[in-house]
Amino acid sequence: MAIHENTLEYMESKLTPEAIAEARRQALAESFRIKLIELRRQADKTQRDFSAFSQTSVARLEKRRDWKLSTLLEFADDLDMSIEIRAKPRHEGKMITLLKS
């Protein structure tokens, strides 16, 4: 079996551009999910400590891969945190703040 210097590049060379884009979307969603759990833990809260959500709801939310913005804002507020969403052109251009809670 050949050893490839960059395994990710090799694997991507075997996939269609659509499959690569979908894999990247899934990885981004999973990373977001993990970061939300880390935020809760960093705030020293358990799933039961939320006033806006039941423990079951928090558990379900932490498994979700997509969130409504209003739910994210409420989740952050319950952690006594704010949300900032910014957009940046992929190549050149100025960063634009879309939302600050």
PDB file of N, CA and C in Angstrom:
ATOM      1  N   MET A   1       0.844  -1.174   0.000  1.00  0.00           N
ATOM      2  CA  MET A   1       0.000   0.000   0.000  1.00  0.00           C
ATOM      3  C   MET A   1       0.892   1.240   0.000  1.00  0.00           C
ATOM      4  N   ALA A   2       0.567   2.190  -0.851  1.00  0.00           N
ATOM      5  CA  ALA A   2       1.338   3.423  -0.952  1.00  0.00           C
ATOM      6  C   ALA A   2       1.020   4.341   0.217  1.00  0.00           C
ATOM      7  N   ILE A   3       2.036   5.033   0.678  1.00  0.00           N
ATOM      8  CA  ILE A   3       1.859   6.015   1.734  1.00  0.00           C
ATOM      9  C   ILE A   3       1.829   7.391   1.073  1.00  0.00           C
ATOM     10  N   HIS A   4       0.817   8.165   1.412  1.00  0.00           N
ATOM     11  CA  HIS A   4       0.657   9.484   0.816  1.00  0.00           C
ATOM     12  C   HIS A   4       1.066  10.546   1.815  1.00  0.00           C
ATOM     13  N   GLU A   5       1.808  11.539   1.312  1.00  0.00           N
ATOM     14  CA  GLU A   5       2.263  12.611   2.179  1.00  0.00           C
ATOM     15  C   GLU A   5       1.096  13.383   2.782  1.00  0.00           C
ATOM     16  N   ASN A   6       0.131  13.698   1.959  1.00  0.00           N
ATOM     17  CA  ASN A   6      -1.027  14.429   2.444  1.00  0.00           C
ATOM     18  C   ASN A   6      -2.272  13.575   2.222  1.00  0.00           C
ATOM     19  N   THR A   7      -2.649  12.867   3.240  1.00  0.00           N
ATOM     20  CA  THR A   7      -3.766  11.926   3.143  1.00  0.00           C
ATOM     21  C   THR A   7      -5.067  12.624   2.765  1.00  0.00           C
ATOM     22  N   LEU A   8      -5.311  13.800   3.335  1.00  0.00           N
ATOM     23  CA  LEU A   8      -6.545  14.514   3.033  1.00  0.00           C
ATOM     24  C   LEU A   8      -6.616  14.879   1.551  1.00  0.00           C
ATOM     25  N   GLU A   9      -5.523  15.385   1.003  1.00  0.00           N
ATOM     26  CA  GLU A   9      -5.511  15.715  -0.430  1.00  0.00           C
ATOM     27  C   GLU A   9      -5.745  14.467  -1.272  1.00  0.00           C
ATOM     28  N   TYR A  10      -5.146  13.364  -0.888  1.00  0.00           N
ATOM     29  CA  TYR A  10      -5.331  12.120  -1.625  1.00  0.00           C
ATOM     30  C   TYR A  10      -6.797  11.686  -1.583  1.00  0.00           C
ATOM     31  N   MET A  11      -7.394  11.734  -0.399  1.00  0.00           N
ATOM     32  CA  MET A  11      -8.793  11.325  -0.268  1.00  0.00           C
ATOM     33  C   MET A  11      -9.701  12.242  -1.077  1.00  0.00           C
ATOM     34  N   GLU A  12      -9.429  13.547  -1.030  1.00  0.00           N
ATOM     35  CA  GLU A  12     -10.235  14.486  -1.798  1.00  0.00           C
ATOM     36  C   GLU A  12     -10.112  14.253  -3.300  1.00  0.00           C
ATOM     37  N   SER A  13      -8.950  13.783  -3.744  1.00  0.00           N
ATOM     38  CA  SER A  13      -8.763  13.539  -5.175  1.00  0.00           C
ATOM     39  C   SER A  13      -9.655  12.402  -5.671  1.00  0.00           C
ATOM     40  N   LYS A  14     -10.156  11.589  -4.758  1.00  0.00           N
ATOM     41  CA  LYS A  14     -11.018  10.454  -5.113  1.00  0.00           C
ATOM     42  C   LYS A  14     -12.508  10.806  -5.046  1.00  0.00           C
ATOM     43  N   LEU A  15     -12.824  12.012  -4.586  1.00  0.00           N
ATOM     44  CA  LEU A  15     -14.213  12.418  -4.416  1.00  0.00           C
ATOM     45  C   LEU A  15     -14.623  13.472  -5.439  1.00  0.00           C
ATOM     46  N   THR A  16     -15.926  13.575  -5.641  1.00  0.00           N
ATOM     47  CA  THR A  16     -16.447  14.625  -6.512  1.00  0.00           C
ATOM     48  C   THR A  16     -16.419  15.950  -5.740  1.00  0.00           C
ATOM     49  N   PRO A  17     -16.423  17.083  -6.441  1.00  0.00           N
ATOM     50  CA  PRO A  17     -16.474  18.373  -5.746  1.00  0.00           C
ATOM     51  C   PRO A  17     -17.705  18.496  -4.839  1.00  0.00           C
ATOM     52  N   GLU A  18     -18.819  17.915  -5.263  1.00  0.00           N
ATOM     53  CA  GLU A  18     -20.033  17.964  -4.444  1.00  0.00           C
ATOM     54  C   GLU A  18     -19.849  17.184  -3.144  1.00  0.00           C
ATOM     55  N   ALA A  19     -19.217  16.015  -3.238  1.00  0.00           N
ATOM     56  CA  ALA A  19     -18.979  15.198  -2.044  1.00  0.00           C
ATOM     57  C   ALA A  19     -18.020  15.903  -1.092  1.00  0.00           C
ATOM     58  N   ILE A  20     -17.026  16.575  -1.645  1.00  0.00           N
ATOM     59  CA  ILE A  20     -16.081  17.329  -0.816  1.00  0.00           C
ATOM     60  C   ILE A  20     -16.802  18.467  -0.101  1.00  0.00           C
ATOM     61  N   ALA A  21     -17.638  19.196  -0.837  1.00  0.00           N
ATOM     62  CA  ALA A  21     -18.386  20.314  -0.234  1.00  0.00           C
ATOM     63  C   ALA A  21     -19.302  19.818   0.881  1.00  0.00           C
ATOM     64  N   GLU A  22     -19.978  18.701   0.665  1.00  0.00           N
ATOM     65  CA  GLU A  22     -20.871  18.138   1.686  1.00  0.00           C
ATOM     66  C   GLU A  22     -20.078  17.684   2.915  1.00  0.00           C
ATOM     67  N   ALA A  23     -18.940  17.070   2.712  1.00  0.00           N
ATOM     68  CA  ALA A  23     -18.100  16.630   3.835  1.00  0.00           C
ATOM     69  C   ALA A  23     -17.622  17.829   4.642  1.00  0.00           C
ATOM     70  N   ARG A  24     -17.277  18.899   3.957  1.00  0.00           N
ATOM     71  CA  ARG A  24     -16.842  20.115   4.659  1.00  0.00           C
ATOM     72  C   ARG A  24     -17.992  20.733   5.449  1.00  0.00           C
ATOM     73  N   ARG A  25     -19.198  20.745   4.885  1.00  0.00           N
ATOM     74  CA  ARG A  25     -20.372  21.266   5.610  1.00  0.00           C
ATOM     75  C   ARG A  25     -20.632  20.436   6.867  1.00  0.00           C
ATOM     76  N   GLN A  26     -20.534  19.116   6.732  1.00  0.00           N
ATOM     77  CA  GLN A  26     -20.761  18.243   7.880  1.00  0.00           C
ATOM     78  C   GLN A  26     -19.698  18.449   8.954  1.00  0.00           C
ATOM     79  N   ALA A  27     -18.450  18.616   8.538  1.00  0.00           N
ATOM     80  CA  ALA A  27     -17.368  18.845   9.501  1.00  0.00           C
ATOM     81  C   ALA A  27     -17.559  20.175  10.221  1.00  0.00           C
ATOM     82  N   LEU A  28     -17.990  21.202   9.491  1.00  0.00           N
ATOM     83  CA  LEU A  28     -18.237  22.501  10.094  1.00  0.00           C
ATOM     84  C   LEU A  28     -19.370  22.418  11.116  1.00  0.00           C
ATOM     85  N   ALA A  29     -20.435  21.713  10.769  1.00  0.00           N
ATOM     86  CA  ALA A  29     -21.571  21.551  11.682  1.00  0.00           C
ATOM     87  C   ALA A  29     -21.149  20.790  12.937  1.00  0.00           C
ATOM     88  N   GLU A  30     -20.357  19.761  12.781  1.00  0.00           N
ATOM     89  CA  GLU A  30     -19.892  18.979  13.934  1.00  0.00           C
ATOM     90  C   GLU A  30     -18.983  19.819  14.825  1.00  0.00           C
ATOM     91  N   SER A  31     -18.121  20.610  14.221  1.00  0.00           N
ATOM     92  CA  SER A  31     -17.239  21.495  14.978  1.00  0.00           C
ATOM     93  C   SER A  31     -18.060  22.508  15.777  1.00  0.00           C
ATOM     94  N   PHE A  32     -19.109  23.060  15.152  1.00  0.00           N
ATOM     95  CA  PHE A  32     -19.994  24.013  15.826  1.00  0.00           C
ATOM     96  C   PHE A  32     -20.668  23.351  17.026  1.00  0.00           C
ATOM     97  N   ARG A  33     -21.161  22.153  16.832  1.00  0.00           N
ATOM     98  CA  ARG A  33     -21.836  21.405  17.901  1.00  0.00           C
ATOM     99  C   ARG A  33     -20.893  21.196  19.086  1.00  0.00           C
ATOM    100  N   ILE A  34     -19.684  20.797  18.804  1.00  0.00           N
ATOM    101  CA  ILE A  34     -18.695  20.556  19.864  1.00  0.00           C
ATOM    102  C   ILE A  34     -18.368  21.858  20.602  1.00  0.00           C
ATOM    103  N   LYS A  35     -18.241  22.952  19.860  1.00  0.00           N
ATOM    104  CA  LYS A  35     -17.931  24.234  20.493  1.00  0.00           C
ATOM    105  C   LYS A  35     -19.051  24.704  21.407  1.00  0.00           C
ATOM    106  N   LEU A  36     -20.300  24.436  21.029  1.00  0.00           N
ATOM    107  CA  LEU A  36     -21.416  24.822  21.906  1.00  0.00           C
ATOM    108  C   LEU A  36     -21.366  24.061  23.229  1.00  0.00           C
ATOM    109  N   ILE A  37     -21.033  22.788  23.168  1.00  0.00           N
ATOM    110  CA  ILE A  37     -20.897  21.994  24.400  1.00  0.00           C
ATOM    111  C   ILE A  37     -19.745  22.548  25.239  1.00  0.00           C
ATOM    112  N   GLU A  38     -18.642  22.898  24.582  1.00  0.00           N
ATOM    113  CA  GLU A  38     -17.505  23.472  25.297  1.00  0.00           C
ATOM    114  C   GLU A  38     -17.876  24.795  25.963  1.00  0.00           C
ATOM    115  N   LEU A  39     -18.675  25.623  25.264  1.00  0.00           N
ATOM    116  CA  LEU A  39     -19.121  26.890  25.860  1.00  0.00           C
ATOM    117  C   LEU A  39     -19.923  26.654  27.125  1.00  0.00           C
ATOM    118  N   ARG A  40     -20.833  25.690  27.064  1.00  0.00           N
ATOM    119  CA  ARG A  40     -21.648  25.385  28.249  1.00  0.00           C
ATOM    120  C   ARG A  40     -20.755  24.945  29.401  1.00  0.00           C
ATOM    121  N   ARG A  41     -19.818  24.088  29.103  1.00  0.00           N
ATOM    122  CA  ARG A  41     -18.920  23.593  30.161  1.00  0.00           C
ATOM    123  C   ARG A  41     -18.029  24.710  30.695  1.00  0.00           C
ATOM    124  N   GLN A  42     -17.577  25.582  29.781  1.00  0.00           N
ATOM    125  CA  GLN A  42     -16.747  26.714  30.187  1.00  0.00           C
ATOM    126  C   GLN A  42     -17.528  27.655  31.108  1.00  0.00           C
ATOM    127  N   ALA A  43     -18.824  27.772  30.872  1.00  0.00           N
ATOM    128  CA  ALA A  43     -19.688  28.593  31.727  1.00  0.00           C
ATOM    129  C   ALA A  43     -20.040  27.867  33.018  1.00  0.00           C
ATOM    130  N   ASP A  44     -19.513  26.653  33.174  1.00  0.00           N
ATOM    131  CA  ASP A  44     -19.741  25.834  34.372  1.00  0.00           C
ATOM    132  C   ASP A  44     -21.225  25.553  34.585  1.00  0.00           C
ATOM    133  N   LYS A  45     -21.908  25.220  33.483  1.00  0.00           N
ATOM    134  CA  LYS A  45     -23.333  24.878  33.547  1.00  0.00           C
ATOM    135  C   LYS A  45     -23.538  23.437  33.098  1.00  0.00           C
ATOM    136  N   THR A  46     -24.483  22.792  33.733  1.00  0.00           N
ATOM    137  CA  THR A  46     -24.911  21.480  33.274  1.00  0.00           C
ATOM    138  C   THR A  46     -26.109  21.682  32.358  1.00  0.00           C
ATOM    139  N   GLN A  47     -26.542  20.634  31.726  1.00  0.00           N
ATOM    140  CA  GLN A  47     -27.727  20.731  30.869  1.00  0.00           C
ATOM    141  C   GLN A  47     -28.971  21.099  31.682  1.00  0.00           C
ATOM    142  N   ARG A  48     -28.970  20.816  32.955  1.00  0.00           N
ATOM    143  CA  ARG A  48     -30.124  21.123  33.822  1.00  0.00           C
ATOM    144  C   ARG A  48     -30.153  22.578  34.295  1.00  0.00           C
ATOM    145  N   ASP A  49     -29.054  23.311  34.109  1.00  0.00           N
ATOM    146  CA  ASP A  49     -28.933  24.664  34.656  1.00  0.00           C
ATOM    147  C   ASP A  49     -29.533  25.759  33.779  1.00  0.00           C
ATOM    148  N   PHE A  50     -30.137  25.417  32.673  1.00  0.00           N
ATOM    149  CA  PHE A  50     -30.699  26.422  31.774  1.00  0.00           C
ATOM    150  C   PHE A  50     -32.089  26.822  32.239  1.00  0.00           C
ATOM    151  N   SER A  51     -32.361  28.121  32.205  1.00  0.00           N
ATOM    152  CA  SER A  51     -33.702  28.565  32.585  1.00  0.00           C
ATOM    153  C   SER A  51     -34.642  28.555  31.375  1.00  0.00           C
ATOM    154  N   ALA A  52     -34.084  28.738  30.183  1.00  0.00           N
ATOM    155  CA  ALA A  52     -34.913  28.829  28.974  1.00  0.00           C
ATOM    156  C   ALA A  52     -35.201  27.470  28.343  1.00  0.00           C
ATOM    157  N   PHE A  53     -34.480  26.433  28.758  1.00  0.00           N
ATOM    158  CA  PHE A  53     -34.619  25.114  28.141  1.00  0.00           C
ATOM    159  C   PHE A  53     -34.633  24.030  29.215  1.00  0.00           C
ATOM    160  N   SER A  54     -35.352  22.968  28.941  1.00  0.00           N
ATOM    161  CA  SER A  54     -35.302  21.802  29.834  1.00  0.00           C
ATOM    162  C   SER A  54     -34.003  21.037  29.568  1.00  0.00           C
ATOM    163  N   GLN A  55     -33.649  20.143  30.465  1.00  0.00           N
ATOM    164  CA  GLN A  55     -32.445  19.327  30.285  1.00  0.00           C
ATOM    165  C   GLN A  55     -32.546  18.528  28.996  1.00  0.00           C
ATOM    166  N   THR A  56     -33.706  17.968  28.732  1.00  0.00           N
ATOM    167  CA  THR A  56     -33.919  17.185  27.513  1.00  0.00           C
ATOM    168  C   THR A  56     -33.733  18.045  26.271  1.00  0.00           C
ATOM    169  N   SER A  57     -34.242  19.271  26.317  1.00  0.00           N
ATOM    170  CA  SER A  57     -34.097  20.192  25.180  1.00  0.00           C
ATOM    171  C   SER A  57     -32.637  20.540  24.933  1.00  0.00           C
ATOM    172  N   VAL A  58     -31.886  20.803  26.002  1.00  0.00           N
ATOM    173  CA  VAL A  58     -30.464  21.121  25.845  1.00  0.00           C
ATOM    174  C   VAL A  58     -29.730  19.928  25.243  1.00  0.00           C
ATOM    175  N   ALA A  59     -30.027  18.731  25.716  1.00  0.00           N
ATOM    176  CA  ALA A  59     -29.388  17.531  25.166  1.00  0.00           C
ATOM    177  C   ALA A  59     -29.683  17.402  23.674  1.00  0.00           C
ATOM    178  N   ARG A  60     -30.942  17.648  23.292  1.00  0.00           N
ATOM    179  CA  ARG A  60     -31.321  17.577  21.870  1.00  0.00           C
ATOM    180  C   ARG A  60     -30.626  18.665  21.063  1.00  0.00           C
ATOM    181  N   LEU A  61     -30.594  19.861  21.621  1.00  0.00           N
ATOM    182  CA  LEU A  61     -29.952  20.982  20.921  1.00  0.00           C
ATOM    183  C   LEU A  61     -28.472  20.701  20.686  1.00  0.00           C
ATOM    184  N   GLU A  62     -27.820  20.128  21.684  1.00  0.00           N
ATOM    185  CA  GLU A  62     -26.394  19.859  21.560  1.00  0.00           C
ATOM    186  C   GLU A  62     -26.092  18.765  20.539  1.00  0.00           C
ATOM    187  N   LYS A  63     -27.095  18.032  20.126  1.00  0.00           N
ATOM    188  CA  LYS A  63     -26.907  17.002  19.093  1.00  0.00           C
ATOM    189  C   LYS A  63     -27.259  17.524  17.701  1.00  0.00           C
ATOM    190  N   ARG A  64     -27.919  18.673  17.650  1.00  0.00           N
ATOM    191  CA  ARG A  64     -28.353  19.232  16.364  1.00  0.00           C
ATOM    192  C   ARG A  64     -27.157  19.684  15.547  1.00  0.00           C
ATOM    193  N   ARG A  65     -27.308  19.615  14.256  1.00  0.00           N
ATOM    194  CA  ARG A  65     -26.263  20.109  13.358  1.00  0.00           C
ATOM    195  C   ARG A  65     -26.632  21.456  12.755  1.00  0.00           C
ATOM    196  N   ASP A  66     -27.877  21.867  12.920  1.00  0.00           N
ATOM    197  CA  ASP A  66     -28.280  23.187  12.446  1.00  0.00           C
ATOM    198  C   ASP A  66     -29.170  23.828  13.504  1.00  0.00           C
ATOM    199  N   TRP A  67     -29.030  25.122  13.632  1.00  0.00           N
ATOM    200  CA  TRP A  67     -29.752  25.855  14.657  1.00  0.00           C
ATOM    201  C   TRP A  67     -30.464  27.046  14.041  1.00  0.00           C
ATOM    202  N   LYS A  68     -31.599  27.396  14.611  1.00  0.00           N
ATOM    203  CA  LYS A  68     -32.235  28.663  14.280  1.00  0.00           C
ATOM    204  C   LYS A  68     -31.460  29.743  15.032  1.00  0.00           C
ATOM    205  N   LEU A  69     -31.328  30.877  14.415  1.00  0.00           N
ATOM    206  CA  LEU A  69     -30.590  31.969  15.039  1.00  0.00           C
ATOM    207  C   LEU A  69     -31.220  32.367  16.376  1.00  0.00           C
ATOM    208  N   SER A  70     -32.531  32.404  16.434  1.00  0.00           N
ATOM    209  CA  SER A  70     -33.209  32.795  17.677  1.00  0.00           C
ATOM    210  C   SER A  70     -32.890  31.816  18.813  1.00  0.00           C
ATOM    211  N   THR A  71     -32.783  30.535  18.499  1.00  0.00           N
ATOM    212  CA  THR A  71     -32.450  29.527  19.513  1.00  0.00           C
ATOM    213  C   THR A  71     -31.008  29.713  19.985  1.00  0.00           C
ATOM    214  N   LEU A  72     -30.108  29.971  19.044  1.00  0.00           N
ATOM    215  CA  LEU A  72     -28.705  30.205  19.390  1.00  0.00           C
ATOM    216  C   LEU A  72     -28.573  31.428  20.304  1.00  0.00           C
ATOM    217  N   LEU A  73     -29.296  32.485  19.990  1.00  0.00           N
ATOM    218  CA  LEU A  73     -29.245  33.693  20.821  1.00  0.00           C
ATOM    219  C   LEU A  73     -29.761  33.415  22.232  1.00  0.00           C
ATOM    220  N   GLU A  74     -30.833  32.654  22.340  1.00  0.00           N
ATOM    221  CA  GLU A  74     -31.400  32.306  23.650  1.00  0.00           C
ATOM    222  C   GLU A  74     -30.446  31.401  24.436  1.00  0.00           C
ATOM    223  N   PHE A  75     -29.830  30.451  23.754  1.00  0.00           N
ATOM    224  CA  PHE A  75     -28.855  29.545  24.371  1.00  0.00           C
ATOM    225  C   PHE A  75     -27.681  30.356  24.931  1.00  0.00           C
ATOM    226  N   ALA A  76     -27.135  31.269  24.114  1.00  0.00           N
ATOM    227  CA  ALA A  76     -26.007  32.104  24.545  1.00  0.00           C
ATOM    228  C   ALA A  76     -26.403  33.007  25.701  1.00  0.00           C
ATOM    229  N   ASP A  77     -27.593  33.580  25.624  1.00  0.00           N
ATOM    230  CA  ASP A  77     -28.067  34.453  26.686  1.00  0.00           C
ATOM    231  C   ASP A  77     -28.154  33.695  28.006  1.00  0.00           C
ATOM    232  N   ASP A  78     -28.616  32.459  27.960  1.00  0.00           N
ATOM    233  CA  ASP A  78     -28.714  31.630  29.170  1.00  0.00           C
ATOM    234  C   ASP A  78     -27.326  31.312  29.739  1.00  0.00           C
ATOM    235  N   LEU A  79     -26.297  31.370  28.889  1.00  0.00           N
ATOM    236  CA  LEU A  79     -24.918  31.161  29.344  1.00  0.00           C
ATOM    237  C   LEU A  79     -24.265  32.481  29.746  1.00  0.00           C
ATOM    238  N   ASP A  80     -25.045  33.570  29.692  1.00  0.00           N
ATOM    239  CA  ASP A  80     -24.546  34.920  29.960  1.00  0.00           C
ATOM    240  C   ASP A  80     -23.427  35.281  28.979  1.00  0.00           C
ATOM    241  N   MET A  81     -23.665  34.936  27.721  1.00  0.00           N
ATOM    242  CA  MET A  81     -22.716  35.235  26.648  1.00  0.00           C
ATOM    243  C   MET A  81     -23.449  35.963  25.536  1.00  0.00           C
ATOM    244  N   SER A  82     -22.681  36.649  24.717  1.00  0.00           N
ATOM    245  CA  SER A  82     -23.265  37.329  23.563  1.00  0.00           C
ATOM    246  C   SER A  82     -22.795  36.616  22.291  1.00  0.00           C
ATOM    247  N   ILE A  83     -23.487  36.899  21.218  1.00  0.00           N
ATOM    248  CA  ILE A  83     -23.177  36.314  19.914  1.00  0.00           C
ATOM    249  C   ILE A  83     -22.805  37.442  18.961  1.00  0.00           C
ATOM    250  N   GLU A  84     -21.779  37.208  18.177  1.00  0.00           N
ATOM    251  CA  GLU A  84     -21.413  38.133  17.122  1.00  0.00           C
ATOM    252  C   GLU A  84     -21.252  37.334  15.842  1.00  0.00           C
ATOM    253  N   ILE A  85     -21.939  37.759  14.799  1.00  0.00           N
ATOM    254  CA  ILE A  85     -21.832  37.086  13.506  1.00  0.00           C
ATOM    255  C   ILE A  85     -21.258  38.088  12.526  1.00  0.00           C
ATOM    256  N   ARG A  86     -20.155  37.687  11.885  1.00  0.00           N
ATOM    257  CA  ARG A  86     -19.499  38.555  10.919  1.00  0.00           C
ATOM    258  C   ARG A  86     -19.355  37.839   9.588  1.00  0.00           C
ATOM    259  N   ALA A  87     -19.354  38.614   8.538  1.00  0.00           N
ATOM    260  CA  ALA A  87     -19.160  38.082   7.191  1.00  0.00           C
ATOM    261  C   ALA A  87     -17.889  38.698   6.616  1.00  0.00           C
ATOM    262  N   LYS A  88     -17.137  37.857   5.908  1.00  0.00           N
ATOM    263  CA  LYS A  88     -15.890  38.313   5.305  1.00  0.00           C
ATOM    264  C   LYS A  88     -15.796  37.721   3.907  1.00  0.00           C
ATOM    265  N   PRO A  89     -15.505  38.556   2.922  1.00  0.00           N
ATOM    266  CA  PRO A  89     -15.310  38.000   1.579  1.00  0.00           C
ATOM    267  C   PRO A  89     -14.181  36.970   1.592  1.00  0.00           C
ATOM    268  N   ARG A  90     -14.305  35.943   0.796  1.00  0.00           N
ATOM    269  CA  ARG A  90     -13.301  34.872   0.786  1.00  0.00           C
ATOM    270  C   ARG A  90     -11.935  35.357   0.304  1.00  0.00           C
ATOM    271  N   HIS A  91     -11.913  36.362  -0.534  1.00  0.00           N
ATOM    272  CA  HIS A  91     -10.632  36.798  -1.092  1.00  0.00           C
ATOM    273  C   HIS A  91     -10.181  38.112  -0.466  1.00  0.00           C
ATOM    274  N   GLU A  92     -10.707  39.206  -0.911  1.00  0.00           N
ATOM    275  CA  GLU A  92     -10.346  40.500  -0.348  1.00  0.00           C
ATOM    276  C   GLU A  92     -11.601  41.244   0.041  1.00  0.00           C
ATOM    277  N   GLY A  93     -11.460  42.114   0.985  1.00  0.00           N
ATOM    278  CA  GLY A  93     -12.601  42.921   1.370  1.00  0.00           C
ATOM    279  C   GLY A  93     -12.684  43.095   2.871  1.00  0.00           C
ATOM    280  N   LYS A  94     -13.588  43.941   3.246  1.00  0.00           N
ATOM    281  CA  LYS A  94     -13.758  44.320   4.639  1.00  0.00           C
ATOM    282  C   LYS A  94     -14.720  43.376   5.358  1.00  0.00           C
ATOM    283  N   MET A  95     -14.387  43.066   6.599  1.00  0.00           N
ATOM    284  CA  MET A  95     -15.260  42.261   7.455  1.00  0.00           C
ATOM    285  C   MET A  95     -16.471  43.117   7.835  1.00  0.00           C
ATOM    286  N   ILE A  96     -17.661  42.516   7.764  1.00  0.00           N
ATOM    287  CA  ILE A  96     -18.893  43.218   8.096  1.00  0.00           C
ATOM    288  C   ILE A  96     -19.580  42.488   9.242  1.00  0.00           C
ATOM    289  N   THR A  97     -19.907  43.227  10.304  1.00  0.00           N
ATOM    290  CA  THR A  97     -20.633  42.633  11.425  1.00  0.00           C
ATOM    291  C   THR A  97     -22.116  42.608  11.071  1.00  0.00           C
ATOM    292  N   LEU A  98     -22.690  41.419  11.090  1.00  0.00           N
ATOM    293  CA  LEU A  98     -24.106  41.248  10.761  1.00  0.00           C
ATOM    294  C   LEU A  98     -24.989  41.293  11.995  1.00  0.00           C
ATOM    295  N   LEU A  99     -24.443  40.840  13.129  1.00  0.00           N
ATOM    296  CA  LEU A  99     -25.261  40.763  14.342  1.00  0.00           C
ATOM    297  C   LEU A  99     -24.361  40.814  15.560  1.00  0.00           C
ATOM    298  N   LYS A 100     -24.789  41.581  16.556  1.00  0.00           N
ATOM    299  CA  LYS A 100     -24.149  41.605  17.872  1.00  0.00           C
ATOM    300  C   LYS A 100     -25.261  41.552  18.895  1.00  0.00           C
ATOM    301  N   SER A 101     -25.225  40.559  19.774  1.00  0.00           N
ATOM    302  CA  SER A 101     -26.286  40.470  20.790  1.00  0.00           C
ATOM    303  C   SER A 101     -25.802  41.016  22.107  1.00  0.00           C
TER     304      SER A 101
END
